Amino acid sequence: DVCSSDLAKGINFTANTPAAGMTSQLLNWYEEGTWTPTFSTDGTAFSTLTFTVQNGRYTRIGRTVFLEVNVRVDAVSGGTGNLYVSGLPFTSTATYNDCGISIGLAFAWTAASAPAAGGVQASSTKIALYKDLNGTTCTAASLAAGCYFRFGTTYVCS
């Protein structure tokens, strides 16, 4: 049970012996929710971008965020530049960046352009997408009507 005087303060683990480098023993954030993932570019914005499926779920424990993303593009046109999944529910830190993603499904993208990897960007709410493991970025031209993308990731927020 939590006493009313303890509300909004968190769980204190100071009775435990801390590891070297410990910065906090207070767990003061737990949250579950949904968010709306979308695609964006670092160039010209899409003139049309609609979805038949556009779901995101998250769990935040302390500063760690666990994400699940499930999107299917209905229609897309325009747009130039590198491709990102945008609208993450929390801004990532500047130091623990480029956390990888675990891709479940990626199909019906333009030829040889489906994401093979991705990384949460530093101090941002977006994930860069890569079409190979050498860091070749997916571009706006990678998206196609009917393309489907499902993945999960974990990152540290500020």
Protein backbone atom coordinates (compact mmCIF):
# COMPACT_ATOMS: atom_id res chain seq x y z
CA ASP A 1 0.00 0.00 0.00
CA VAL A 2 1.06 3.56 -0.66
CA CYS A 3 0.31 6.18 1.97
CA SER A 4 -1.15 9.44 0.71
CA SER A 5 1.94 11.30 1.93
CA ASP A 6 4.04 9.14 -0.46
CA LEU A 7 2.04 9.87 -3.61
CA ALA A 8 3.90 11.49 -6.51
CA LYS A 9 7.28 10.83 -4.88
CA GLY A 10 8.10 7.39 -6.25
CA ILE A 11 9.68 4.24 -4.83
CA ASN A 12 12.93 4.82 -2.98
CA PHE A 13 15.57 2.06 -3.19
CA THR A 14 18.20 3.71 -0.97
CA ALA A 15 18.18 0.66 1.33
CA ASN A 16 19.95 -1.22 -1.51
CA THR A 17 23.71 -0.99 -1.97
CA PRO A 18 24.23 1.09 -5.12
CA ALA A 19 26.47 0.12 -8.02
CA ALA A 20 29.40 2.34 -8.97
CA GLY A 21 28.15 5.24 -11.08
CA MET A 22 24.64 5.18 -9.61
CA THR A 23 22.84 8.48 -10.18
CA SER A 24 19.44 7.76 -8.62
CA GLN A 25 17.68 5.18 -6.49
CA LEU A 26 14.24 6.71 -6.91
CA LEU A 27 11.73 5.18 -9.35
CA ASN A 28 9.33 8.04 -9.93
CA TRP A 29 7.75 7.42 -13.32
CA TYR A 30 5.54 4.66 -14.69
CA GLU A 31 3.21 5.25 -17.62
CA GLU A 32 1.48 3.24 -20.34
CA GLY A 33 -0.28 4.72 -23.31
CA THR A 34 -0.79 5.09 -27.02
CA TRP A 35 0.73 7.48 -29.51
CA THR A 36 0.30 8.16 -33.23
CA PRO A 37 3.37 7.26 -35.29
CA THR A 38 3.86 8.93 -38.64
CA PHE A 39 6.56 9.33 -41.28
CA SER A 40 8.51 12.52 -41.88
CA THR A 41 11.55 13.62 -43.88
CA ASP A 42 14.43 16.03 -43.45
CA GLY A 43 13.59 17.53 -46.87
CA THR A 44 10.28 18.45 -48.49
CA ALA A 45 7.21 17.25 -46.58
CA PHE A 46 4.82 14.69 -48.07
CA SER A 47 1.96 16.32 -49.98
CA THR A 48 -0.20 13.25 -49.23
CA LEU A 49 0.33 10.69 -46.48
CA THR A 50 -2.60 8.66 -45.17
CA PHE A 51 -2.74 5.39 -43.26
CA THR A 52 -5.06 2.39 -43.02
CA VAL A 53 -3.28 1.33 -39.82
CA GLN A 54 -1.49 3.83 -37.55
CA ASN A 55 -0.97 2.45 -34.05
CA GLY A 56 1.67 3.02 -31.41
CA ARG A 57 1.86 1.80 -27.83
CA TYR A 58 4.41 2.65 -25.17
CA THR A 59 5.42 1.87 -21.62
CA ARG A 60 7.72 4.22 -19.73
CA ILE A 61 9.48 3.02 -16.58
CA GLY A 62 11.76 5.66 -15.12
CA ARG A 63 13.65 7.10 -18.11
CA THR A 64 13.34 3.93 -20.24
CA VAL A 65 10.66 3.88 -22.96
CA PHE A 66 9.45 0.68 -24.67
CA LEU A 67 7.66 1.26 -28.00
CA GLU A 68 5.55 -0.85 -30.35
CA VAL A 69 4.71 0.50 -33.80
CA ASN A 70 2.28 -0.86 -36.40
CA VAL A 71 1.62 1.20 -39.55
CA ARG A 72 0.29 0.61 -43.05
CA VAL A 73 0.36 3.40 -45.63
CA ASP A 74 -2.83 3.95 -47.62
CA ALA A 75 -1.62 6.71 -49.95
CA VAL A 76 1.61 8.67 -50.29
CA SER A 77 2.91 11.33 -52.67
CA GLY A 78 5.60 14.01 -52.69
CA GLY A 79 8.28 14.24 -50.08
CA THR A 80 12.06 14.26 -50.45
CA GLY A 81 14.97 13.52 -48.16
CA ASN A 82 15.77 10.91 -45.53
CA LEU A 83 12.85 9.03 -43.98
CA TYR A 84 11.98 8.97 -40.28
CA VAL A 85 9.28 7.55 -38.03
CA SER A 86 8.17 10.60 -36.06
CA GLY A 87 6.11 11.61 -33.08
CA LEU A 88 7.72 9.44 -30.38
CA PRO A 89 5.96 10.10 -27.07
CA PHE A 90 9.11 11.32 -25.25
CA THR A 91 12.26 13.13 -26.38
CA SER A 92 15.37 10.93 -26.35
CA THR A 93 18.49 11.91 -24.45
CA ALA A 94 21.53 13.41 -26.12
CA THR A 95 23.88 10.73 -24.82
CA TYR A 96 22.06 7.39 -25.12
CA ASN A 97 21.07 7.77 -28.74
CA ASP A 98 20.73 5.66 -31.87
CA CYS A 99 19.07 2.79 -30.02
CA GLY A 100 18.29 0.13 -32.61
CA ILE A 101 14.87 -1.16 -33.56
CA SER A 102 13.64 -4.73 -33.82
CA ILE A 103 11.71 -5.13 -37.08
CA GLY A 104 8.83 -7.61 -37.10
CA LEU A 105 7.45 -6.91 -40.60
CA ALA A 106 8.40 -4.63 -43.47
CA PHE A 107 6.82 -5.39 -46.82
CA ALA A 108 5.43 -3.78 -50.00
CA TRP A 109 7.93 -0.90 -49.93
CA THR A 110 9.49 0.30 -53.20
CA ALA A 111 12.15 -2.00 -54.70
CA ALA A 112 15.00 -2.82 -52.27
CA SER A 113 13.98 0.06 -49.99
CA ALA A 114 12.27 -1.62 -47.03
CA PRO A 115 13.89 -0.76 -43.71
CA ALA A 116 16.43 -3.30 -42.47
CA ALA A 117 17.44 -1.25 -39.43
CA GLY A 118 16.67 1.98 -37.62
CA GLY A 119 17.90 4.14 -34.80
CA VAL A 120 16.35 6.57 -32.33
CA GLN A 121 17.98 9.94 -32.95
CA ALA A 122 19.68 11.99 -30.21
CA SER A 123 17.60 14.66 -28.47
CA SER A 124 14.59 14.04 -30.72
CA THR A 125 11.26 12.31 -31.15
CA LYS A 126 12.13 10.46 -34.34
CA ILE A 127 13.73 7.27 -35.60
CA ALA A 128 15.97 7.20 -38.69
CA LEU A 129 15.37 4.27 -41.04
CA TYR A 130 18.13 2.41 -42.90
CA LYS A 131 17.70 0.06 -45.86
CA ASP A 132 20.87 -1.89 -45.10
CA LEU A 133 23.19 -2.53 -42.19
CA ASN A 134 25.81 -0.19 -43.67
CA GLY A 135 23.75 2.85 -42.73
CA THR A 136 22.25 3.65 -46.15
CA THR A 137 19.18 5.66 -45.26
CA CYS A 138 15.68 5.03 -46.50
CA THR A 139 14.32 8.05 -48.34
CA ALA A 140 10.85 9.47 -48.88
CA ALA A 141 10.78 7.56 -52.19
CA SER A 142 10.97 4.30 -50.19
CA LEU A 143 7.33 4.60 -49.11
CA ALA A 144 4.62 3.10 -51.30
CA ALA A 145 0.86 2.79 -51.00
CA GLY A 146 0.13 -0.42 -49.13
CA CYS A 147 3.55 -0.72 -47.46
CA TYR A 148 3.42 -2.18 -43.99
CA PHE A 149 5.83 -1.72 -41.09
CA ARG A 150 5.82 -3.23 -37.61
CA PHE A 151 8.67 -2.85 -35.11
CA GLY A 152 9.61 -2.34 -31.48
CA THR A 153 12.38 -0.43 -29.73
CA THR A 154 13.60 0.70 -26.36
CA TYR A 155 15.23 4.07 -25.73
CA VAL A 156 16.21 6.42 -22.90
CA CYS A 157 14.32 9.69 -22.62
CA SER A 158 15.36 12.95 -21.00
